[in-house]
Full PDB file with SEQRES, HELIX, SHEET, SSBOND, CRYST1, ORIGX, SCALE, CONECT and MASTER records, all heavy atoms in Angstrom:
SEQRES   1 A   33  ARG ARG GLY ALA VAL ARG ALA ASP TYR VAL LEU GLU THR          
SEQRES   2 A   33  VAL PHE TRP ASP ALA GLY ALA ALA ARG LEU LEU PRO ARG          
SEQRES   3 A   33  LEU LEU THR GLY ARG THR ARG                                  
HELIX    1 AA1 ARG A    6  ASP A    8  5                                   3    
HELIX    2 AA2 ALA A   18  LEU A   28  1                                  11    
CRYST1    1.000    1.000    1.000  90.00  90.00  90.00 P 1           1          
ORIGX1      1.000000  0.000000  0.000000        0.00000                         
ORIGX2      0.000000  1.000000  0.000000        0.00000                         
ORIGX3      0.000000  0.000000  1.000000        0.00000                         
SCALE1      1.000000  0.000000  0.000000        0.00000                         
SCALE2      0.000000  1.000000  0.000000        0.00000                         
SCALE3      0.000000  0.000000  1.000000        0.00000                         
ATOM      1  N   ARG A   1       8.199  -3.473   5.805  1.00  0.00           N  
ATOM      2  CA  ARG A   1       8.923  -2.259   5.862  1.00  0.00           C  
ATOM      3  C   ARG A   1      10.136  -2.536   6.741  1.00  0.00           C  
ATOM      4  O   ARG A   1      10.186  -3.417   7.604  1.00  0.00           O  
ATOM      5  CB  ARG A   1       8.192  -1.162   6.379  1.00  0.00           C  
ATOM      6  CG  ARG A   1       7.677  -1.270   7.938  1.00  0.00           C  
ATOM      7  CD  ARG A   1       6.756  -0.025   8.265  1.00  0.00           C  
ATOM      8  NE  ARG A   1       6.333  -0.210   9.646  1.00  0.00           N  
ATOM      9  CZ  ARG A   1       6.836   0.201  10.647  1.00  0.00           C  
ATOM     10  NH1 ARG A   1       8.131   0.640  10.554  1.00  0.00           N  
ATOM     11  NH2 ARG A   1       6.366  -0.025  11.897  1.00  0.00           N  
ATOM     12  N   ARG A   2      11.173  -1.625   6.710  1.00  0.00           N  
ATOM     13  CA  ARG A   2      12.401  -1.852   7.459  1.00  0.00           C  
ATOM     14  C   ARG A   2      12.143  -1.417   8.931  1.00  0.00           C  
ATOM     15  O   ARG A   2      11.236  -0.675   9.231  1.00  0.00           O  
ATOM     16  CB  ARG A   2      13.533  -0.984   6.925  1.00  0.00           C  
ATOM     17  CG  ARG A   2      14.158  -1.455   5.728  1.00  0.00           C  
ATOM     18  CD  ARG A   2      15.446  -0.660   5.377  1.00  0.00           C  
ATOM     19  NE  ARG A   2      16.206  -1.264   4.486  1.00  0.00           N  
ATOM     20  CZ  ARG A   2      17.383  -0.803   4.009  1.00  0.00           C  
ATOM     21  NH1 ARG A   2      17.938   0.204   4.599  1.00  0.00           N  
ATOM     22  NH2 ARG A   2      18.050  -1.351   3.044  1.00  0.00           N  
ATOM     23  N   GLY A   3      12.816  -2.157   9.890  1.00  0.00           N  
ATOM     24  CA  GLY A   3      12.743  -1.728  11.303  1.00  0.00           C  
ATOM     25  C   GLY A   3      11.416  -2.245  11.856  1.00  0.00           C  
ATOM     26  O   GLY A   3      10.906  -1.603  12.791  1.00  0.00           O  
ATOM     27  N   ALA A   4      10.746  -3.213  11.340  1.00  0.00           N  
ATOM     28  CA  ALA A   4       9.516  -3.643  11.846  1.00  0.00           C  
ATOM     29  C   ALA A   4       9.721  -4.172  13.324  1.00  0.00           C  
ATOM     30  O   ALA A   4      10.643  -4.884  13.584  1.00  0.00           O  
ATOM     31  CB  ALA A   4       8.900  -4.822  11.083  1.00  0.00           C  
ATOM     32  N   VAL A   5       8.681  -3.807  14.120  1.00  0.00           N  
ATOM     33  CA  VAL A   5       8.796  -4.268  15.601  1.00  0.00           C  
ATOM     34  C   VAL A   5       7.723  -5.355  15.764  1.00  0.00           C  
ATOM     35  O   VAL A   5       7.032  -5.727  14.740  1.00  0.00           O  
ATOM     36  CB  VAL A   5       8.479  -3.015  16.522  1.00  0.00           C  
ATOM     37  CG1 VAL A   5       9.450  -2.065  16.365  1.00  0.00           C  
ATOM     38  CG2 VAL A   5       7.042  -2.524  16.225  1.00  0.00           C  
ATOM     39  N   ARG A   6       7.667  -5.996  17.016  1.00  0.00           N  
ATOM     40  CA  ARG A   6       6.919  -7.137  17.189  1.00  0.00           C  
ATOM     41  C   ARG A   6       5.453  -6.977  16.816  1.00  0.00           C  
ATOM     42  O   ARG A   6       4.834  -7.826  16.178  1.00  0.00           O  
ATOM     43  CB  ARG A   6       7.007  -7.546  18.575  1.00  0.00           C  
ATOM     44  CG  ARG A   6       6.324  -8.798  19.129  1.00  0.00           C  
ATOM     45  CD  ARG A   6       6.546  -9.015  20.527  1.00  0.00           C  
ATOM     46  NE  ARG A   6       6.059 -10.316  20.965  1.00  0.00           N  
ATOM     47  CZ  ARG A   6       4.752 -10.471  21.424  1.00  0.00           C  
ATOM     48  NH1 ARG A   6       3.947  -9.423  21.415  1.00  0.00           N  
ATOM     49  NH2 ARG A   6       4.326 -11.647  21.819  1.00  0.00           N  
ATOM     50  N   ALA A   7       4.873  -5.819  17.119  1.00  0.00           N  
ATOM     51  CA  ALA A   7       3.569  -5.602  16.884  1.00  0.00           C  
ATOM     52  C   ALA A   7       3.257  -5.410  15.372  1.00  0.00           C  
ATOM     53  O   ALA A   7       2.066  -5.477  14.943  1.00  0.00           O  
ATOM     54  CB  ALA A   7       3.079  -4.243  17.604  1.00  0.00           C  
ATOM     55  N   ASP A   8       4.251  -5.370  14.532  1.00  0.00           N  
ATOM     56  CA  ASP A   8       3.959  -5.221  13.074  1.00  0.00           C  
ATOM     57  C   ASP A   8       3.875  -6.540  12.440  1.00  0.00           C  
ATOM     58  O   ASP A   8       3.824  -6.666  11.214  1.00  0.00           O  
ATOM     59  CB  ASP A   8       5.236  -4.401  12.385  1.00  0.00           C  
ATOM     60  CG  ASP A   8       5.207  -2.966  12.965  1.00  0.00           C  
ATOM     61  OD1 ASP A   8       4.130  -2.480  13.151  1.00  0.00           O  
ATOM     62  OD2 ASP A   8       6.261  -2.393  12.943  1.00  0.00           O  
ATOM     63  N   TYR A   9       4.038  -7.762  13.225  1.00  0.00           N  
ATOM     64  CA  TYR A   9       3.968  -9.042  12.708  1.00  0.00           C  
ATOM     65  C   TYR A   9       2.685  -9.701  12.993  1.00  0.00           C  
ATOM     66  O   TYR A   9       1.924  -9.250  14.009  1.00  0.00           O  
ATOM     67  CB  TYR A   9       5.088  -9.875  13.246  1.00  0.00           C  
ATOM     68  CG  TYR A   9       6.438  -9.525  12.657  1.00  0.00           C  
ATOM     69  CD1 TYR A   9       7.246  -8.529  13.165  1.00  0.00           C  
ATOM     70  CD2 TYR A   9       6.920 -10.194  11.554  1.00  0.00           C  
ATOM     71  CE1 TYR A   9       8.450  -8.253  12.632  1.00  0.00           C  
ATOM     72  CE2 TYR A   9       8.189  -9.852  10.950  1.00  0.00           C  
ATOM     73  CZ  TYR A   9       8.974  -8.845  11.499  1.00  0.00           C  
ATOM     74  OH  TYR A   9      10.108  -8.510  10.995  1.00  0.00           O  
ATOM     75  N   VAL A  10       2.319 -10.665  12.258  1.00  0.00           N  
ATOM     76  CA  VAL A  10       1.120 -11.497  12.532  1.00  0.00           C  
ATOM     77  C   VAL A  10       1.398 -12.369  13.751  1.00  0.00           C  
ATOM     78  O   VAL A  10       2.304 -13.210  13.640  1.00  0.00           O  
ATOM     79  CB  VAL A  10       0.623 -12.300  11.342  1.00  0.00           C  
ATOM     80  CG1 VAL A  10      -0.604 -13.216  11.748  1.00  0.00           C  
ATOM     81  CG2 VAL A  10       0.350 -11.280  10.184  1.00  0.00           C  
ATOM     82  N   LEU A  11       0.800 -12.262  14.797  1.00  0.00           N  
ATOM     83  CA  LEU A  11       1.012 -12.952  16.051  1.00  0.00           C  
ATOM     84  C   LEU A  11       0.144 -14.125  16.207  1.00  0.00           C  
ATOM     85  O   LEU A  11      -0.954 -14.108  15.645  1.00  0.00           O  
ATOM     86  CB  LEU A  11       0.862 -12.028  17.250  1.00  0.00           C  
ATOM     87  CG  LEU A  11       1.811 -10.818  17.318  1.00  0.00           C  
ATOM     88  CD1 LEU A  11       1.477  -9.981  18.566  1.00  0.00           C  
ATOM     89  CD2 LEU A  11       3.254 -11.084  17.149  1.00  0.00           C  
ATOM     90  N   GLU A  12       0.561 -15.157  16.866  1.00  0.00           N  
ATOM     91  CA  GLU A  12      -0.200 -16.393  17.131  1.00  0.00           C  
ATOM     92  C   GLU A  12      -0.411 -16.577  18.644  1.00  0.00           C  
ATOM     93  O   GLU A  12       0.484 -16.081  19.428  1.00  0.00           O  
ATOM     94  CB  GLU A  12       0.486 -17.612  16.505  1.00  0.00           C  
ATOM     95  CG  GLU A  12       0.589 -17.532  15.008  1.00  0.00           C  
ATOM     96  CD  GLU A  12       1.271 -18.749  14.453  1.00  0.00           C  
ATOM     97  OE1 GLU A  12       2.039 -19.314  15.011  1.00  0.00           O  
ATOM     98  OE2 GLU A  12       1.027 -19.055  13.253  1.00  0.00           O  
ATOM     99  N   THR A  13      -1.449 -17.306  18.973  1.00  0.00           N  
ATOM    100  CA  THR A  13      -1.756 -17.441  20.428  1.00  0.00           C  
ATOM    101  C   THR A  13      -1.347 -18.786  20.949  1.00  0.00           C  
ATOM    102  O   THR A  13      -1.478 -19.867  20.312  1.00  0.00           O  
ATOM    103  CB  THR A  13      -3.264 -17.309  20.745  1.00  0.00           C  
ATOM    104  OG1 THR A  13      -3.721 -16.106  20.060  1.00  0.00           O  
ATOM    105  CG2 THR A  13      -3.591 -17.404  22.154  1.00  0.00           C  
ATOM    106  N   VAL A  14      -0.758 -18.780  22.200  1.00  0.00           N  
ATOM    107  CA  VAL A  14      -0.329 -20.047  22.790  1.00  0.00           C  
ATOM    108  C   VAL A  14      -1.194 -20.091  24.143  1.00  0.00           C  
ATOM    109  O   VAL A  14      -1.593 -18.996  24.650  1.00  0.00           O  
ATOM    110  CB  VAL A  14       1.197 -20.143  23.069  1.00  0.00           C  
ATOM    111  CG1 VAL A  14       1.899 -20.174  21.916  1.00  0.00           C  
ATOM    112  CG2 VAL A  14       1.674 -18.928  24.028  1.00  0.00           C  
ATOM    113  N   PHE A  15      -1.411 -21.281  24.656  1.00  0.00           N  
ATOM    114  CA  PHE A  15      -2.225 -21.486  25.856  1.00  0.00           C  
ATOM    115  C   PHE A  15      -1.437 -22.352  26.892  1.00  0.00           C  
ATOM    116  O   PHE A  15      -0.784 -23.243  26.524  1.00  0.00           O  
ATOM    117  CB  PHE A  15      -3.518 -22.259  25.443  1.00  0.00           C  
ATOM    118  CG  PHE A  15      -4.324 -21.568  24.405  1.00  0.00           C  
ATOM    119  CD1 PHE A  15      -3.965 -21.602  23.131  1.00  0.00           C  
ATOM    120  CD2 PHE A  15      -5.472 -20.767  24.850  1.00  0.00           C  
ATOM    121  CE1 PHE A  15      -4.856 -20.909  22.101  1.00  0.00           C  
ATOM    122  CE2 PHE A  15      -6.213 -20.163  23.877  1.00  0.00           C  
ATOM    123  CZ  PHE A  15      -5.897 -20.202  22.458  1.00  0.00           C  
ATOM    124  N   TRP A  16      -1.677 -21.883  28.122  1.00  0.00           N  
ATOM    125  CA  TRP A  16      -1.095 -22.756  29.173  1.00  0.00           C  
ATOM    126  C   TRP A  16      -2.178 -23.199  30.120  1.00  0.00           C  
ATOM    127  O   TRP A  16      -3.313 -22.972  30.026  1.00  0.00           O  
ATOM    128  CB  TRP A  16      -0.036 -21.984  29.911  1.00  0.00           C  
ATOM    129  CG  TRP A  16      -0.516 -20.755  30.590  1.00  0.00           C  
ATOM    130  CD1 TRP A  16      -1.019 -20.556  31.869  1.00  0.00           C  
ATOM    131  CD2 TRP A  16      -0.431 -19.438  30.069  1.00  0.00           C  
ATOM    132  NE1 TRP A  16      -1.367 -19.213  32.007  1.00  0.00           N  
ATOM    133  CE2 TRP A  16      -0.940 -18.440  30.923  1.00  0.00           C  
ATOM    134  CE3 TRP A  16       0.121 -18.920  28.859  1.00  0.00           C  
ATOM    135  CZ2 TRP A  16      -1.046 -17.148  30.700  1.00  0.00           C  
ATOM    136  CZ3 TRP A  16      -0.036 -17.575  28.544  1.00  0.00           C  
ATOM    137  CH2 TRP A  16      -0.518 -16.664  29.436  1.00  0.00           C  
ATOM    138  N   ASP A  17      -1.854 -24.072  31.195  1.00  0.00           N  
ATOM    139  CA  ASP A  17      -2.830 -24.610  32.014  1.00  0.00           C  
ATOM    140  C   ASP A  17      -2.459 -24.264  33.502  1.00  0.00           C  
ATOM    141  O   ASP A  17      -1.814 -23.255  33.930  1.00  0.00           O  
ATOM    142  CB  ASP A  17      -2.998 -26.187  31.870  1.00  0.00           C  
ATOM    143  CG  ASP A  17      -4.354 -26.634  32.313  1.00  0.00           C  
ATOM    144  OD1 ASP A  17      -5.315 -26.384  31.681  1.00  0.00           O  
ATOM    145  OD2 ASP A  17      -4.367 -27.436  33.325  1.00  0.00           O  
ATOM    146  N   ALA A  18      -3.045 -25.113  34.333  1.00  0.00           N  
ATOM    147  CA  ALA A  18      -3.068 -24.855  35.823  1.00  0.00           C  
ATOM    148  C   ALA A  18      -1.646 -24.671  36.404  1.00  0.00           C  
ATOM    149  O   ALA A  18      -1.353 -23.833  37.262  1.00  0.00           O  
ATOM    150  CB  ALA A  18      -3.834 -25.825  36.580  1.00  0.00           C  
ATOM    151  N   GLY A  19      -0.683 -25.472  35.967  1.00  0.00           N  
ATOM    152  CA  GLY A  19       0.699 -25.413  36.476  1.00  0.00           C  
ATOM    153  C   GLY A  19       1.258 -24.074  36.313  1.00  0.00           C  
ATOM    154  O   GLY A  19       1.707 -23.443  37.298  1.00  0.00           O  
ATOM    155  N   ALA A  20       1.319 -23.522  35.127  1.00  0.00           N  
ATOM    156  CA  ALA A  20       1.875 -22.164  34.836  1.00  0.00           C  
ATOM    157  C   ALA A  20       1.065 -21.172  35.466  1.00  0.00           C  
ATOM    158  O   ALA A  20       1.514 -20.111  35.940  1.00  0.00           O  
ATOM    159  CB  ALA A  20       1.986 -22.011  33.391  1.00  0.00           C  
ATOM    160  N   ALA A  21      -0.289 -21.326  35.437  1.00  0.00           N  
ATOM    161  CA  ALA A  21      -1.341 -20.390  35.935  1.00  0.00           C  
ATOM    162  C   ALA A  21      -1.023 -20.152  37.527  1.00  0.00           C  
ATOM    163  O   ALA A  21      -1.148 -18.949  37.933  1.00  0.00           O  
ATOM    164  CB  ALA A  21      -2.711 -20.707  35.791  1.00  0.00           C  
ATOM    165  N   ARG A  22      -0.501 -21.094  38.242  1.00  0.00           N  
ATOM    166  CA  ARG A  22      -0.224 -20.957  39.629  1.00  0.00           C  
ATOM    167  C   ARG A  22       1.060 -20.224  39.881  1.00  0.00           C  
ATOM    168  O   ARG A  22       1.150 -19.464  40.828  1.00  0.00           O  
ATOM    169  CB  ARG A  22      -0.163 -22.318  40.334  1.00  0.00           C  
ATOM    170  CG  ARG A  22      -1.557 -22.994  40.602  1.00  0.00           C  
ATOM    171  CD  ARG A  22      -1.427 -24.241  41.531  1.00  0.00           C  
ATOM    172  NE  ARG A  22      -0.636 -25.319  40.836  1.00  0.00           N  
ATOM    173  CZ  ARG A  22      -1.104 -26.302  40.265  1.00  0.00           C  
ATOM    174  NH1 ARG A  22      -2.470 -26.361  40.043  1.00  0.00           N  
ATOM    175  NH2 ARG A  22      -0.270 -27.183  39.778  1.00  0.00           N  
ATOM    176  N   LEU A  23       2.082 -20.408  38.939  1.00  0.00           N  
ATOM    177  CA  LEU A  23       3.317 -19.878  39.171  1.00  0.00           C  
ATOM    178  C   LEU A  23       3.449 -18.413  38.681  1.00  0.00           C  
ATOM    179  O   LEU A  23       4.190 -17.636  39.300  1.00  0.00           O  
ATOM    180  CB  LEU A  23       4.392 -20.703  38.415  1.00  0.00           C  
ATOM    181  CG  LEU A  23       4.582 -22.230  39.028  1.00  0.00           C  
ATOM    182  CD1 LEU A  23       5.385 -22.952  38.019  1.00  0.00           C  
ATOM    183  CD2 LEU A  23       5.225 -22.118  40.424  1.00  0.00           C  
ATOM    184  N   LEU A  24       2.805 -18.047  37.594  1.00  0.00           N  
ATOM    185  CA  LEU A  24       2.967 -16.694  36.948  1.00  0.00           C  
ATOM    186  C   LEU A  24       2.745 -15.643  37.953  1.00  0.00           C  
ATOM    187  O   LEU A  24       3.532 -14.671  38.022  1.00  0.00           O  
ATOM    188  CB  LEU A  24       2.151 -16.693  35.720  1.00  0.00           C  
ATOM    189  CG  LEU A  24       2.687 -17.106  34.469  1.00  0.00           C  
ATOM    190  CD1 LEU A  24       1.735 -17.165  33.327  1.00  0.00           C  
ATOM    191  CD2 LEU A  24       3.909 -16.166  33.948  1.00  0.00           C  
ATOM    192  N   PRO A  25       1.597 -15.588  38.666  1.00  0.00           N  
ATOM    193  CA  PRO A  25       1.288 -14.437  39.530  1.00  0.00           C  
ATOM    194  C   PRO A  25       2.390 -14.236  40.515  1.00  0.00           C  
ATOM    195  O   PRO A  25       2.818 -13.095  40.932  1.00  0.00           O  
ATOM    196  CB  PRO A  25      -0.028 -14.720  40.219  1.00  0.00           C  
ATOM    197  CG  PRO A  25      -0.657 -15.726  39.154  1.00  0.00           C  
ATOM    198  CD  PRO A  25       0.433 -16.565  38.657  1.00  0.00           C  
ATOM    199  N   ARG A  26       2.966 -15.373  41.110  1.00  0.00           N  
ATOM    200  CA  ARG A  26       4.100 -15.228  42.076  1.00  0.00           C  
ATOM    201  C   ARG A  26       5.312 -14.642  41.500  1.00  0.00           C  
ATOM    202  O   ARG A  26       6.025 -13.877  42.009  1.00  0.00           O  
ATOM    203  CB  ARG A  26       4.426 -16.599  42.638  1.00  0.00           C  
ATOM    204  CG  ARG A  26       3.354 -17.192  43.422  1.00  0.00           C  
ATOM    205  CD  ARG A  26       3.528 -18.749  43.735  1.00  0.00           C  
ATOM    206  NE  ARG A  26       4.872 -18.876  44.340  1.00  0.00           N  
ATOM    207  CZ  ARG A  26       5.506 -20.087  44.366  1.00  0.00           C  
ATOM    208  NH1 ARG A  26       4.874 -21.169  43.829  1.00  0.00           N  
ATOM    209  NH2 ARG A  26       6.632 -20.187  44.923  1.00  0.00           N  
ATOM    210  N   LEU A  27       5.599 -15.043  40.288  1.00  0.00           N  
ATOM    211  CA  LEU A  27       6.765 -14.531  39.484  1.00  0.00           C  
ATOM    212  C   LEU A  27       6.626 -12.983  39.261  1.00  0.00           C  
ATOM    213  O   LEU A  27       7.646 -12.283  39.278  1.00  0.00           O  
ATOM    214  CB  LEU A  27       7.031 -15.300  38.244  1.00  0.00           C  
ATOM    215  CG  LEU A  27       8.181 -14.803  37.383  1.00  0.00           C  
ATOM    216  CD1 LEU A  27       9.506 -15.230  38.067  1.00  0.00           C  
ATOM    217  CD2 LEU A  27       8.192 -15.447  36.008  1.00  0.00           C  
ATOM    218  N   LEU A  28       5.413 -12.573  38.928  1.00  0.00           N  
ATOM    219  CA  LEU A  28       5.295 -11.191  38.490  1.00  0.00           C  
ATOM    220  C   LEU A  28       5.013 -10.161  39.720  1.00  0.00           C  
ATOM    221  O   LEU A  28       4.655  -9.052  39.438  1.00  0.00           O  
ATOM    222  CB  LEU A  28       4.051 -11.190  37.564  1.00  0.00           C  
ATOM    223  CG  LEU A  28       4.207 -11.939  36.341  1.00  0.00           C  
ATOM    224  CD1 LEU A  28       2.941 -11.939  35.444  1.00  0.00           C  
ATOM    225  CD2 LEU A  28       5.456 -11.619  35.519  1.00  0.00           C  
ATOM    226  N   THR A  29       4.979 -10.706  40.826  1.00  0.00           N  
ATOM    227  CA  THR A  29       4.687  -9.893  42.073  1.00  0.00           C  
ATOM    228  C   THR A  29       5.565  -8.591  42.003  1.00  0.00           C  
ATOM    229  O   THR A  29       6.807  -8.631  41.980  1.00  0.00           O  
ATOM    230  CB  THR A  29       5.057 -10.655  43.397  1.00  0.00           C  
ATOM    231  OG1 THR A  29       4.193 -11.817  43.412  1.00  0.00           O  
ATOM    232  CG2 THR A  29       4.698  -9.743  44.593  1.00  0.00           C  
ATOM    233  N   GLY A  30       4.856  -7.431  42.087  1.00  0.00           N  
ATOM    234  CA  GLY A  30       5.501  -6.149  42.033  1.00  0.00           C  
ATOM    235  C   GLY A  30       5.807  -5.629  40.673  1.00  0.00           C  
ATOM    236  O   GLY A  30       6.365  -4.439  40.632  1.00  0.00           O  
ATOM    237  N   ARG A  31       5.650  -6.338  39.622  1.00  0.00           N  
ATOM    238  CA  ARG A  31       5.881  -5.826  38.273  1.00  0.00           C  
ATOM    239  C   ARG A  31       4.614  -5.902  37.464  1.00  0.00           C  
ATOM    240  O   ARG A  31       3.820  -6.768  37.551  1.00  0.00           O  
ATOM    241  CB  ARG A  31       6.927  -6.772  37.514  1.00  0.00           C  
ATOM    242  CG  ARG A  31       8.290  -6.767  38.317  1.00  0.00           C  
ATOM    243  CD  ARG A  31       9.408  -7.321  37.457  1.00  0.00           C  
ATOM    244  NE  ARG A  31       9.064  -8.699  37.314  1.00  0.00           N  
ATOM    245  CZ  ARG A  31       9.291  -9.319  36.113  1.00  0.00           C  
ATOM    246  NH1 ARG A  31       9.457  -8.556  34.985  1.00  0.00           N  
ATOM    247  NH2 ARG A  31       9.069 -10.598  36.059  1.00  0.00           N  
ATOM    248  N   THR A  32       4.460  -4.827  36.538  1.00  0.00           N  
ATOM    249  CA  THR A  32       3.271  -4.799  35.744  1.00  0.00           C  
ATOM    250  C   THR A  32       3.559  -4.553  34.163  1.00  0.00           C  
ATOM    251  O   THR A  32       2.773  -4.665  33.462  1.00  0.00           O  
ATOM    252  CB  THR A  32       2.323  -3.656  36.176  1.00  0.00           C  
ATOM    253  OG1 THR A  32       3.127  -2.358  35.996  1.00  0.00           O  
ATOM    254  CG2 THR A  32       1.896  -3.820  37.570  1.00  0.00           C  
ATOM    255  N   ARG A  33       4.928  -4.476  34.003  1.00  0.00           N  
ATOM    256  CA  ARG A  33       5.290  -4.098  32.608  1.00  0.00           C  
ATOM    257  C   ARG A  33       6.630  -4.841  32.357  1.00  0.00           C  
ATOM    258  O   ARG A  33       7.307  -5.174  33.396  1.00  0.00           O  
ATOM    259  CB  ARG A  33       5.437  -2.591  32.316  1.00  0.00           C  
ATOM    260  CG  ARG A  33       4.187  -1.794  32.572  1.00  0.00           C  
ATOM    261  CD  ARG A  33       4.476  -0.337  32.487  1.00  0.00           C  
ATOM    262  NE  ARG A  33       5.384   0.107  33.596  1.00  0.00           N  
ATOM    263  CZ  ARG A  33       6.070   1.156  33.604  1.00  0.00           C  
ATOM    264  NH1 ARG A  33       5.959   1.969  32.564  1.00  0.00           N  
ATOM    265  NH2 ARG A  33       6.869   1.504  34.670  1.00  0.00           N  
TER     266      ARG A  33                                                      
MASTER        0    0    0    2    0    0    0    6  265    1    0    3          
END                                                                             
């Protein structure tokens, strides 16, 4: 359909490891959305 948004698509999963896992919480401090 026209105007499809991200949720209207079949999504795939990606995985990360310890390096990104250590950095992400620091980057997201104070933000939840």
